[in-house]
């Protein structure tokens, strides 16, 4: 049975009690019902070594949920996806400088024909970093300047650390040997200090980005001139014009007094580009972001209300996510961050539909980004309509749950609820423009959704 990263992600979602039916899996992972069912059947077969075609998806989910040690069993049979094979080849090239074709074909169970197709994909990725590959009867070698290789190594470390929890064991072992950092605890501590002075909203992947930069560019052996060797006056030569002096001096002091003092000065422009990537300044936004953020604002306004158009923080919040989503889609980064959110209790099921619409503009946008921004912008939501829920012959204990479901399923926010017997009194003190009535349905605790 073919088990890959997606199977493991679905398993984690089931084990965390996130899903109870096939529709949930389809929505969360943007799969058709048929594809979601096939993934479920693969997992079930791998765990139980049999599959009755009479089993319904809900029963399969329940059996998987109760199966102990399921993750380890799936991990042992996990195989490479096509993209993972490509990036395993890239890892080996960057780490070993040259690899033998016969050895790689054996490691990844590839034919020579498949390998040639993968090498074309690798060439396309390398071209973005001014790198090339040279193929000879001795094997495949990476060709490029030390600077270009370091820039590419930064991206490669970042990608591997974002994806690491769901990668095949062979790649995870390569990562351990690939990333070489002295005093890991000190580096993490210094990164935490740095984030106290910059306003960055997604700390986890921002920390990974800064760590990856250090791992790729730091020179603790002083082979080149580093930040430690220059004065503030010389450091000013690297100041982007849109940074104010106070902010720039804080950056200088934090770099000078932490492990980042080992960064060679020739890489400082790359460092400031990274800061802009993590949290772009309003004065400096590239054309790609400008072309996307207006389209995304229309989508957010559609689901959250017209107050989005006047929200002064919209572009500051959305721009880093546009950058990150572009990076993910461009380099096939599979970010599983949304699996760490409890999807049972998030605000509104329209988040699924909203994510699908955003994906038409930004394929790398996931539920994590949508939920994060949804909650942020909902906090500043202006109630354009005052919706009251009036009920008759319903136990008051279930009204809050019912109101919550109305918001989740229909994006209608209820501000208050009133028993029909008290409605006349309510009207005396409140203006009412319209009334929508729904009658003749029964509500019990077990069928509120």
Protein backbone atom coordinates (compact mmCIF):
# COMPACT_ATOMS: atom_id res chain seq x y z
CA UNK A 1 0.00 0.00 0.00
CA UNK A 2 1.32 3.47 -0.95
CA UNK A 3 1.51 5.67 2.16
CA UNK A 4 2.71 9.26 1.91
CA UNK A 5 2.71 12.56 3.81
CA UNK A 6 -0.98 13.24 3.17
CA UNK A 7 -1.97 9.93 4.82
CA UNK A 8 0.00 10.89 7.94
CA UNK A 9 -1.59 14.35 8.05
CA UNK A 10 -5.09 12.89 7.77
CA UNK A 11 -4.23 10.37 10.50
CA UNK A 12 -3.09 13.17 12.83
CA UNK A 13 -6.32 15.09 12.18
CA UNK A 14 -8.40 12.01 13.03
CA UNK A 15 -6.36 11.20 16.14
CA UNK A 16 -6.78 14.76 17.42
CA UNK A 17 -10.57 14.26 17.26
CA UNK A 18 -10.75 16.92 14.57
CA UNK A 19 -13.03 14.99 12.20
CA UNK A 20 -15.95 12.61 12.46
CA UNK A 21 -17.04 12.25 8.84
CA UNK A 22 -15.78 12.23 5.26
CA UNK A 23 -16.97 15.76 4.55
CA UNK A 24 -14.71 17.17 7.26
CA UNK A 25 -11.64 15.55 5.69
CA UNK A 26 -12.66 16.78 2.23
CA UNK A 27 -13.03 20.36 3.50
CA UNK A 28 -9.87 20.49 5.62
CA UNK A 29 -7.59 19.02 2.95
CA UNK A 30 -9.39 20.44 -0.12
CA UNK A 31 -10.06 16.95 -1.50
CA UNK A 32 -13.02 15.53 -3.36
CA UNK A 33 -15.09 13.04 -1.35
CA UNK A 34 -13.81 10.23 -3.56
CA UNK A 35 -10.15 11.10 -2.98
CA UNK A 36 -10.70 11.55 0.74
CA UNK A 37 -12.34 8.10 0.86
CA UNK A 38 -9.36 6.53 -0.93
CA UNK A 39 -6.95 8.04 1.60
CA UNK A 40 -9.06 6.67 4.45
CA UNK A 41 -9.13 3.20 2.89
CA UNK A 42 -5.35 3.25 2.43
CA UNK A 43 -4.82 4.09 6.10
CA UNK A 44 -7.32 1.45 7.23
CA UNK A 45 -5.75 -1.25 5.08
CA UNK A 46 -2.25 -0.42 6.32
CA UNK A 47 -3.37 -0.67 9.94
CA UNK A 48 -5.73 -3.66 9.76
CA UNK A 49 -4.31 -5.45 6.67
CA UNK A 50 -7.80 -5.90 5.26
CA UNK A 51 -10.66 -3.77 4.00
CA UNK A 52 -14.28 -4.66 3.66
CA UNK A 53 -15.94 -2.63 0.93
CA UNK A 54 -19.07 -2.55 3.08
CA UNK A 55 -17.38 -0.32 5.66
CA UNK A 56 -18.73 3.22 5.61
CA UNK A 57 -16.28 6.16 5.93
CA UNK A 58 -17.63 7.18 9.35
CA UNK A 59 -16.97 3.69 10.70
CA UNK A 60 -13.47 3.64 9.16
CA UNK A 61 -12.70 6.97 10.86
CA UNK A 62 -13.90 5.65 14.21
CA UNK A 63 -11.79 2.46 13.93
CA UNK A 64 -8.68 4.45 12.91
CA UNK A 65 -9.22 6.82 15.84
CA UNK A 66 -9.15 3.92 18.32
CA UNK A 67 -6.13 2.15 16.78
CA UNK A 68 -3.03 2.56 18.97
CA UNK A 69 0.49 3.10 17.55
CA UNK A 70 -1.03 3.98 14.16
CA UNK A 71 1.49 6.76 13.43
CA UNK A 72 4.53 4.50 13.84
CA UNK A 73 2.99 1.81 11.64
CA UNK A 74 2.31 4.31 8.85
CA UNK A 75 5.75 5.90 9.24
CA UNK A 76 7.46 2.55 8.63
CA UNK A 77 5.74 2.16 5.27
CA UNK A 78 5.86 5.84 4.27
CA UNK A 79 7.16 6.46 0.76
CA UNK A 80 8.47 9.53 -1.06
CA UNK A 81 6.14 11.77 -3.01
CA UNK A 82 7.45 13.07 -6.33
CA UNK A 83 8.32 16.48 -4.84
CA UNK A 84 10.09 14.83 -1.91
CA UNK A 85 12.21 12.77 -4.31
CA UNK A 86 13.18 15.95 -6.15
CA UNK A 87 14.21 17.72 -2.96
CA UNK A 88 16.02 14.68 -1.63
CA UNK A 89 18.12 14.83 -4.81
CA UNK A 90 18.69 18.55 -4.21
CA UNK A 91 19.76 17.88 -0.61
CA UNK A 92 22.31 15.36 -1.76
CA UNK A 93 23.63 17.68 -4.47
CA UNK A 94 24.05 20.66 -2.13
CA UNK A 95 25.56 18.53 0.64
CA UNK A 96 27.79 16.22 -1.43
CA UNK A 97 28.48 18.61 -4.37
CA UNK A 98 28.41 15.57 -6.68
CA UNK A 99 26.30 12.38 -6.68
CA UNK A 100 26.43 9.20 -8.74
CA UNK A 101 23.33 8.48 -10.81
CA UNK A 102 23.35 4.75 -10.12
CA UNK A 103 23.41 5.30 -6.33
CA UNK A 104 20.53 7.79 -6.44
CA UNK A 105 18.40 5.55 -8.65
CA UNK A 106 18.91 2.77 -6.13
CA UNK A 107 18.15 4.99 -3.10
CA UNK A 108 14.89 6.31 -4.54
CA UNK A 109 13.89 3.29 -6.61
CA UNK A 110 13.99 5.35 -9.83
CA UNK A 111 14.44 4.41 -13.47
CA UNK A 112 16.94 6.41 -15.53
CA UNK A 113 14.00 7.91 -17.45
CA UNK A 114 12.30 9.16 -14.29
CA UNK A 115 15.59 10.52 -13.02
CA UNK A 116 16.03 12.60 -16.19
CA UNK A 117 12.60 14.17 -15.63
CA UNK A 118 13.52 14.98 -12.02
CA UNK A 119 16.80 16.55 -13.10
CA UNK A 120 14.84 18.92 -15.36
CA UNK A 121 12.73 19.97 -12.36
CA UNK A 122 15.89 20.50 -10.31
CA UNK A 123 17.37 22.70 -13.07
CA UNK A 124 14.24 24.87 -12.99
CA UNK A 125 14.55 25.37 -9.22
CA UNK A 126 18.31 26.01 -9.39
CA UNK A 127 17.89 28.62 -12.13
CA UNK A 128 16.14 30.91 -9.63
CA UNK A 129 19.39 30.99 -7.64
CA UNK A 130 21.86 31.25 -10.55
CA UNK A 131 22.81 27.61 -10.09
CA UNK A 132 23.16 24.84 -12.68
CA UNK A 133 23.77 21.11 -12.75
CA UNK A 134 26.42 19.37 -14.78
CA UNK A 135 25.71 15.79 -15.90
CA UNK A 136 28.59 13.50 -16.92
CA UNK A 137 29.44 9.82 -16.83
CA UNK A 138 30.85 10.45 -13.35
CA UNK A 139 27.51 11.68 -12.03
CA UNK A 140 25.67 14.96 -11.38
CA UNK A 141 27.39 18.04 -9.93
CA UNK A 142 26.12 21.43 -8.77
CA UNK A 143 27.66 24.46 -10.50
CA UNK A 144 27.49 27.97 -9.03
CA UNK A 145 29.21 30.59 -6.86
CA UNK A 146 29.63 30.00 -3.10
CA UNK A 147 27.25 32.92 -2.50
CA UNK A 148 24.50 31.41 -4.70
CA UNK A 149 24.89 28.04 -2.99
CA UNK A 150 24.60 29.67 0.46
CA UNK A 151 21.43 31.53 -0.59
CA UNK A 152 19.95 28.28 -1.84
CA UNK A 153 21.02 26.45 1.33
CA UNK A 154 19.05 29.01 3.34
CA UNK A 155 15.87 28.18 1.42
CA UNK A 156 16.53 24.44 1.65
CA UNK A 157 16.96 24.50 5.44
CA UNK A 158 13.80 26.59 5.79
CA UNK A 159 11.73 24.20 3.68
CA UNK A 160 12.99 21.12 5.50
CA UNK A 161 12.31 22.55 8.98
CA UNK A 162 8.75 23.58 8.04
CA UNK A 163 7.99 20.10 6.65
CA UNK A 164 10.10 17.95 9.00
CA UNK A 165 7.30 16.34 11.07
CA UNK A 166 5.85 14.54 8.04
CA UNK A 167 8.95 13.78 5.97
CA UNK A 168 10.17 10.22 5.27
CA UNK A 169 12.90 8.98 7.61
CA UNK A 170 15.60 9.08 4.93
CA UNK A 171 15.10 12.83 4.39
CA UNK A 172 14.92 13.55 8.13
CA UNK A 173 18.29 11.85 8.57
CA UNK A 174 19.74 13.99 5.78
CA UNK A 175 18.47 17.14 7.51
CA UNK A 176 20.31 16.26 10.73
CA UNK A 177 23.63 15.99 8.86
CA UNK A 178 22.86 18.98 6.62
CA UNK A 179 22.24 21.56 9.38
CA UNK A 180 25.40 22.30 11.35
CA UNK A 181 25.04 24.89 14.14
CA UNK A 182 27.29 25.31 17.16
CA UNK A 183 25.47 25.97 20.47
CA UNK A 184 21.88 25.52 19.30
CA UNK A 185 20.48 26.79 22.62
CA UNK A 186 22.37 30.09 22.30
CA UNK A 187 21.12 30.63 18.74
CA UNK A 188 17.47 30.07 19.73
CA UNK A 189 17.85 32.40 22.71
CA UNK A 190 19.33 35.15 20.52
CA UNK A 191 16.55 34.75 17.95
CA UNK A 192 13.99 35.29 20.73
CA UNK A 193 15.79 38.55 21.63
CA UNK A 194 15.65 39.69 18.03
CA UNK A 195 11.89 39.19 17.75
CA UNK A 196 11.33 41.52 20.68
CA UNK A 197 12.37 44.46 18.50
CA UNK A 198 10.53 43.67 15.25
CA UNK A 199 6.77 43.50 14.87
CA UNK A 200 6.18 40.07 13.34
CA UNK A 201 2.90 38.21 13.63
CA UNK A 202 3.76 34.63 12.76
CA UNK A 203 6.52 33.82 15.21
CA UNK A 204 6.94 30.08 14.57
CA UNK A 205 7.91 30.20 10.89
CA UNK A 206 9.62 33.54 11.41
CA UNK A 207 11.90 31.87 13.94
CA UNK A 208 12.55 29.06 11.47
CA UNK A 209 13.42 31.62 8.76
CA UNK A 210 15.88 33.46 11.02
CA UNK A 211 17.43 30.21 12.21
CA UNK A 212 17.79 29.02 8.61
CA UNK A 213 19.50 32.28 7.68
CA UNK A 214 21.99 31.87 10.52
CA UNK A 215 22.65 28.20 9.70
CA UNK A 216 23.30 29.05 6.04
CA UNK A 217 25.32 32.28 6.31
CA UNK A 218 27.08 32.44 9.71
CA UNK A 219 30.89 32.28 9.71
CA UNK A 220 32.05 31.53 13.27
CA UNK A 221 35.59 30.81 11.99
CA UNK A 222 36.13 34.40 10.83
CA UNK A 223 37.12 33.62 7.25
CA UNK A 224 35.35 36.82 6.17
CA UNK A 225 34.67 40.26 7.64
CA UNK A 226 31.67 39.94 9.95
CA UNK A 227 29.22 42.25 11.73
CA UNK A 228 31.39 41.99 14.84
CA UNK A 229 34.21 43.75 12.97
CA UNK A 230 32.37 46.93 11.84
CA UNK A 231 31.30 50.16 13.53
CA UNK A 232 27.83 51.66 13.45
CA UNK A 233 29.02 54.26 10.92
CA UNK A 234 30.03 51.48 8.52
CA UNK A 235 26.85 49.57 9.30
CA UNK A 236 24.83 52.61 8.13
CA UNK A 237 25.98 51.89 4.57
CA UNK A 238 23.57 48.94 4.54
CA UNK A 239 20.53 50.84 5.87
CA UNK A 240 17.42 50.55 3.65
CA UNK A 241 16.05 54.05 3.01
CA UNK A 242 12.64 53.20 4.53
CA UNK A 243 14.07 52.18 7.95
CA UNK A 244 14.07 54.92 10.56
CA UNK A 245 17.33 55.45 12.45
CA UNK A 246 15.99 54.36 15.84
CA UNK A 247 14.79 51.01 14.48
CA UNK A 248 18.01 50.51 12.52
CA UNK A 249 20.18 51.17 15.56
CA UNK A 250 18.21 48.60 17.58
CA UNK A 251 18.93 46.03 14.87
CA UNK A 252 22.62 46.92 14.94
CA UNK A 253 22.84 46.51 18.71
CA UNK A 254 21.03 43.16 18.72
CA UNK A 255 23.19 41.83 15.88
CA UNK A 256 26.39 43.07 17.47
CA UNK A 257 25.68 41.44 20.84
CA UNK A 258 24.31 38.05 19.78
CA UNK A 259 25.44 35.09 17.72
CA UNK A 260 24.45 37.07 14.61
CA UNK A 261 27.70 38.99 14.94
CA UNK A 262 29.17 36.03 13.01
CA UNK A 263 27.20 36.95 9.86
CA UNK A 264 29.61 38.23 7.15
CA UNK A 265 28.84 41.81 6.13
CA UNK A 266 28.51 40.79 2.46
CA UNK A 267 25.23 39.07 3.42
CA UNK A 268 23.67 42.03 5.23
CA UNK A 269 21.49 43.03 2.27
CA UNK A 270 20.07 39.51 2.29
CA UNK A 271 19.39 39.85 6.00
CA UNK A 272 17.33 43.03 5.53
CA UNK A 273 15.48 41.39 2.66
CA UNK A 274 14.56 38.63 5.12
CA UNK A 275 13.20 41.17 7.62
CA UNK A 276 11.07 42.69 4.87
CA UNK A 277 9.86 39.22 3.96
CA UNK A 278 8.79 38.53 7.54
CA UNK A 279 6.99 41.85 7.91
CA UNK A 280 7.10 44.11 4.82
CA UNK A 281 7.23 47.84 5.46
CA UNK A 282 4.33 49.78 3.97
CA UNK A 283 6.85 51.95 2.12
CA UNK A 284 8.40 48.92 0.47
CA UNK A 285 6.06 46.34 -1.05
CA UNK A 286 6.94 44.61 -4.31
CA UNK A 287 4.64 44.46 -7.32
CA UNK A 288 3.59 40.85 -6.72
CA UNK A 289 2.14 41.76 -3.31
CA UNK A 290 0.48 44.93 -4.65
CA UNK A 291 -1.25 42.90 -7.36
CA UNK A 292 -2.61 40.39 -4.83
CA UNK A 293 -3.55 42.31 -1.71
CA UNK A 294 -6.44 44.25 -3.33
CA UNK A 295 -7.96 40.99 -4.63
CA UNK A 296 -7.64 39.39 -1.20
CA UNK A 297 -9.22 42.41 0.47
CA UNK A 298 -12.34 41.91 -1.68
CA UNK A 299 -12.58 38.28 -0.51
CA UNK A 300 -12.14 39.19 3.17
CA UNK A 301 -14.75 41.94 2.83
CA UNK A 302 -17.17 39.47 1.25
CA UNK A 303 -17.00 37.16 4.27
CA UNK A 304 -16.27 39.55 7.14
CA UNK A 305 -17.94 42.80 6.10
CA UNK A 306 -17.18 46.11 4.41
CA UNK A 307 -15.22 47.35 7.45
CA UNK A 308 -12.25 45.51 5.91
CA UNK A 309 -11.98 48.30 3.32
CA UNK A 310 -11.36 50.90 6.03
CA UNK A 311 -9.20 48.75 8.31
CA UNK A 312 -5.82 50.59 8.48
CA UNK A 313 -3.96 47.39 9.42
CA UNK A 314 -5.21 45.20 6.57
CA UNK A 315 -2.19 45.50 4.26
CA UNK A 316 0.32 45.34 7.11
CA UNK A 317 -1.25 42.07 8.24
CA UNK A 318 -1.85 40.46 4.85
CA UNK A 319 1.43 41.28 3.08
CA UNK A 320 3.71 38.84 4.97
CA UNK A 321 1.19 36.03 4.31
CA UNK A 322 1.15 36.83 0.58
CA UNK A 323 4.95 36.60 0.58
CA UNK A 324 4.91 33.32 2.45
CA UNK A 325 2.13 31.77 0.35
CA UNK A 326 4.01 32.66 -2.82
CA UNK A 327 7.13 30.98 -1.45
CA UNK A 328 5.18 27.84 -0.49
CA UNK A 329 3.52 27.42 -3.88
CA UNK A 330 6.69 28.28 -5.82
CA UNK A 331 8.90 25.77 -4.00
CA UNK A 332 6.28 23.12 -3.15
CA UNK A 333 6.54 23.72 0.61
CA UNK A 334 3.93 21.63 2.40
CA UNK A 335 3.24 23.58 5.60
CA UNK A 336 1.19 21.47 8.07
CA UNK A 337 0.73 24.31 10.60
CA UNK A 338 -3.07 24.21 10.30
CA UNK A 339 -3.05 20.69 11.78
CA UNK A 340 -2.01 22.18 15.12
CA UNK A 341 -5.21 24.23 15.36
CA UNK A 342 -8.30 22.76 16.99
CA UNK A 343 -10.57 22.96 13.95
CA UNK A 344 -13.63 21.85 15.92
CA UNK A 345 -13.98 25.20 17.65
CA UNK A 346 -12.91 27.74 15.03
CA UNK A 347 -15.27 30.59 14.36
CA UNK A 348 -17.04 29.83 11.12
CA UNK A 349 -17.37 27.01 8.58
CA UNK A 350 -17.29 29.62 5.80
CA UNK A 351 -13.53 29.61 6.43
CA UNK A 352 -13.36 26.54 4.17
CA UNK A 353 -15.12 28.34 1.32
CA UNK A 354 -13.05 31.44 1.86
CA UNK A 355 -9.81 29.44 1.71
CA UNK A 356 -10.90 27.87 -1.58
CA UNK A 357 -11.53 31.33 -3.07
CA UNK A 358 -8.16 32.61 -1.87
CA UNK A 359 -6.45 29.53 -3.33
CA UNK A 360 -7.58 30.62 -6.79
CA UNK A 361 -5.35 33.68 -6.32
CA UNK A 362 -2.71 32.24 -3.97
CA UNK A 363 -2.42 28.42 -4.16
CA UNK A 364 -0.11 28.32 -1.12
CA UNK A 365 -2.70 29.82 1.25
CA UNK A 366 -3.88 27.26 3.84
CA UNK A 367 -6.51 27.07 6.56
CA UNK A 368 -3.92 28.29 9.06
CA UNK A 369 -3.51 31.65 7.33
CA UNK A 370 -7.27 32.04 6.81
CA UNK A 371 -8.11 31.25 10.45
CA UNK A 372 -5.32 33.45 11.80
CA UNK A 373 -6.45 36.46 9.75
CA UNK A 374 -10.16 35.72 10.22
CA UNK A 375 -9.80 35.94 14.00
CA UNK A 376 -7.64 39.05 13.79
CA UNK A 377 -10.01 40.99 11.53
CA UNK A 378 -13.12 39.71 13.32
CA UNK A 379 -11.91 41.47 16.46
CA UNK A 380 -12.37 44.81 14.72
CA UNK A 381 -15.61 43.80 13.02
CA UNK A 382 -18.32 46.46 13.06
CA UNK A 383 -21.84 45.09 13.48
CA UNK A 384 -23.71 46.63 10.55
CA UNK A 385 -26.90 44.77 11.52
CA UNK A 386 -28.19 43.96 14.98
CA UNK A 387 -29.50 40.37 14.75
CA UNK A 388 -31.77 39.08 17.51
CA UNK A 389 -32.77 35.44 17.91
CA UNK A 390 -36.38 35.08 19.11
CA UNK A 391 -37.39 31.58 20.20
CA UNK A 392 -40.46 29.69 21.35
CA UNK A 393 -40.69 26.31 23.07
CA UNK A 394 -36.91 25.74 23.11
CA UNK A 395 -34.87 25.00 26.23
CA UNK A 396 -32.76 28.07 26.97
CA UNK A 397 -29.71 25.88 27.68
CA UNK A 398 -29.27 25.01 24.01
CA UNK A 399 -29.76 28.56 22.62
CA UNK A 400 -26.04 29.55 22.84
CA UNK A 401 -25.07 26.38 20.93
CA UNK A 402 -27.75 27.01 18.34
CA UNK A 403 -26.60 30.60 17.86
CA UNK A 404 -23.02 29.40 17.47
CA UNK A 405 -24.09 26.94 14.74
CA UNK A 406 -26.02 29.66 12.89
CA UNK A 407 -22.84 31.76 12.79
CA UNK A 408 -20.68 28.81 11.75
CA UNK A 409 -22.96 27.54 9.01
CA UNK A 410 -24.45 30.78 7.67
CA UNK A 411 -22.08 33.58 8.78
CA UNK A 412 -24.92 35.36 10.63
CA UNK A 413 -23.80 36.82 13.94
CA UNK A 414 -26.52 36.85 16.62
CA UNK A 415 -26.14 39.70 19.13
CA UNK A 416 -28.87 38.73 21.58
CA UNK A 417 -31.71 36.27 22.10
CA UNK A 418 -35.23 36.79 23.46
CA UNK A 419 -38.05 34.43 24.41
CA UNK A 420 -41.23 35.09 22.37
CA UNK A 421 -43.10 35.85 25.59
CA UNK A 422 -40.77 38.79 26.22
CA UNK A 423 -40.73 40.04 22.63
CA UNK A 424 -43.45 42.69 22.99
CA UNK A 425 -41.57 44.22 25.86
CA UNK A 426 -38.35 44.12 23.82
CA UNK A 427 -40.03 46.02 20.96
CA UNK A 428 -40.94 48.94 23.23
CA UNK A 429 -37.29 49.81 23.77
CA UNK A 430 -35.65 48.64 20.51
CA UNK A 431 -36.06 49.66 16.87
CA UNK A 432 -36.75 46.71 14.49
CA UNK A 433 -36.45 46.98 10.69
CA UNK A 434 -37.34 43.44 9.66
CA UNK A 435 -38.18 40.00 10.98
CA UNK A 436 -37.24 36.63 9.47
CA UNK A 437 -39.29 33.68 10.73
CA UNK A 438 -38.46 29.99 10.66
CA UNK A 439 -41.12 27.60 11.98
CA UNK A 440 -41.94 23.94 12.45
CA UNK A 441 -38.61 22.34 13.17
CA UNK A 442 -37.50 20.44 16.23
CA UNK A 443 -34.16 20.95 17.95
CA UNK A 444 -32.53 18.48 20.31
CA UNK A 445 -29.07 18.45 21.83
CA UNK A 446 -27.91 15.73 19.45
CA UNK A 447 -29.09 17.42 16.24
CA UNK A 448 -28.24 21.08 16.78
CA UNK A 449 -25.86 21.18 13.75
